[in-house]
Amino acid sequence: MILFRHGRARIFSKFVTDVLSKINIVTLSRESYEKLPDFGDEYGLDFDDAYQCKVAEERGLTVITMDKDFRSVKDRIEVEFM
């Protein structure tokens, strides 16, 4: 959005070409979206942190973060603090 705002859409296109071929985009199952508010409440997480945790839990991934809010879930998912 910032690149478009500053007339740099070509840089965005180059970024997409360079990066998207090297990553996988993952999301939650439909069922997990319904459980997200309860999960967030249980661990004291806002939406984006709860979302990342649930994706990690479903996919067997590790959350790598500097965000101390993830301390509350380290017994449930693997979290690596930088």
Protein backbone atom coordinates (compact mmCIF):
# COMPACT_ATOMS: atom_id res chain seq x y z
CA MET A 1 0.00 0.00 0.00
CA ILE A 2 2.81 2.41 0.87
CA LEU A 3 4.63 1.69 -2.38
CA PHE A 4 1.48 2.37 -4.39
CA ARG A 5 0.86 5.57 -2.46
CA HIS A 6 4.36 6.79 -3.35
CA GLY A 7 4.11 5.84 -7.02
CA ARG A 8 6.41 2.82 -6.64
CA ALA A 9 4.09 0.05 -7.85
CA ARG A 10 6.88 -1.45 -9.98
CA ILE A 11 8.93 -2.11 -6.84
CA PHE A 12 5.93 -3.94 -5.41
CA SER A 13 5.71 -6.08 -8.55
CA LYS A 14 9.40 -6.94 -8.29
CA PHE A 15 8.98 -7.82 -4.61
CA VAL A 16 6.05 -10.11 -5.38
CA THR A 17 7.98 -11.83 -8.16
CA ASP A 18 11.06 -12.31 -5.95
CA VAL A 19 9.34 -13.35 -2.73
CA LEU A 20 6.09 -15.16 -3.46
CA SER A 21 7.79 -17.96 -5.36
CA LYS A 22 9.82 -18.75 -2.22
CA ILE A 23 7.07 -18.83 0.42
CA ASN A 24 3.85 -20.64 1.23
CA ILE A 25 0.87 -18.70 2.48
CA VAL A 26 -1.07 -20.61 5.13
CA THR A 27 -4.41 -19.92 6.72
CA LEU A 28 -6.74 -21.42 9.30
CA SER A 29 -9.32 -24.07 8.68
CA ARG A 30 -12.89 -22.77 8.66
CA GLU A 31 -13.60 -24.44 11.99
CA SER A 32 -10.70 -22.67 13.70
CA TYR A 33 -12.00 -19.23 12.77
CA GLU A 34 -15.01 -19.85 14.99
CA LYS A 35 -12.76 -20.85 17.92
CA LEU A 36 -10.40 -17.88 17.55
CA PRO A 37 -12.17 -15.52 20.00
CA ASP A 38 -12.15 -18.15 22.76
CA PHE A 39 -8.50 -18.92 22.12
CA GLY A 40 -7.59 -15.23 22.28
CA ASP A 41 -9.53 -14.78 25.52
CA GLU A 42 -7.99 -17.89 27.10
CA TYR A 43 -4.43 -16.70 26.49
CA GLY A 44 -4.95 -12.92 26.60
CA LEU A 45 -4.07 -12.43 22.92
CA ASP A 46 -5.33 -9.90 20.42
CA PHE A 47 -6.67 -11.06 17.06
CA ASP A 48 -3.43 -11.18 15.07
CA ASP A 49 -1.47 -12.98 17.82
CA ALA A 50 -4.27 -15.50 18.36
CA TYR A 51 -4.47 -16.05 14.60
CA GLN A 52 -0.73 -16.72 14.30
CA CYS A 53 -0.85 -19.16 17.24
CA LYS A 54 -3.77 -21.11 15.83
CA VAL A 55 -2.08 -21.36 12.41
CA ALA A 56 1.10 -22.59 14.08
CA GLU A 57 -0.86 -25.10 16.15
CA GLU A 58 -2.79 -26.47 13.15
CA ARG A 59 0.24 -26.66 10.87
CA GLY A 60 2.84 -27.77 13.42
CA LEU A 61 4.84 -24.57 12.94
CA THR A 62 7.04 -22.55 15.28
CA VAL A 63 6.28 -18.91 16.02
CA ILE A 64 9.48 -16.85 15.97
CA THR A 65 8.89 -13.51 17.63
CA MET A 66 10.08 -10.67 19.80
CA ASP A 67 6.54 -10.21 21.16
CA LYS A 68 6.35 -11.15 24.85
CA ASP A 69 2.59 -11.79 24.54
CA PHE A 70 3.46 -15.21 23.14
CA ARG A 71 4.85 -16.34 26.51
CA SER A 72 1.33 -17.36 27.50
CA VAL A 73 1.11 -20.00 24.74
CA LYS A 74 4.59 -21.53 24.90
CA ASP A 75 3.17 -24.59 26.67
CA ARG A 76 0.72 -25.13 23.80
CA ILE A 77 2.82 -24.35 20.70
CA GLU A 78 6.51 -23.99 19.99
CA VAL A 79 7.64 -20.38 20.37
CA GLU A 80 11.15 -19.11 19.78
CA PHE A 81 11.96 -15.69 21.17
CA MET A 82 14.56 -13.55 19.41
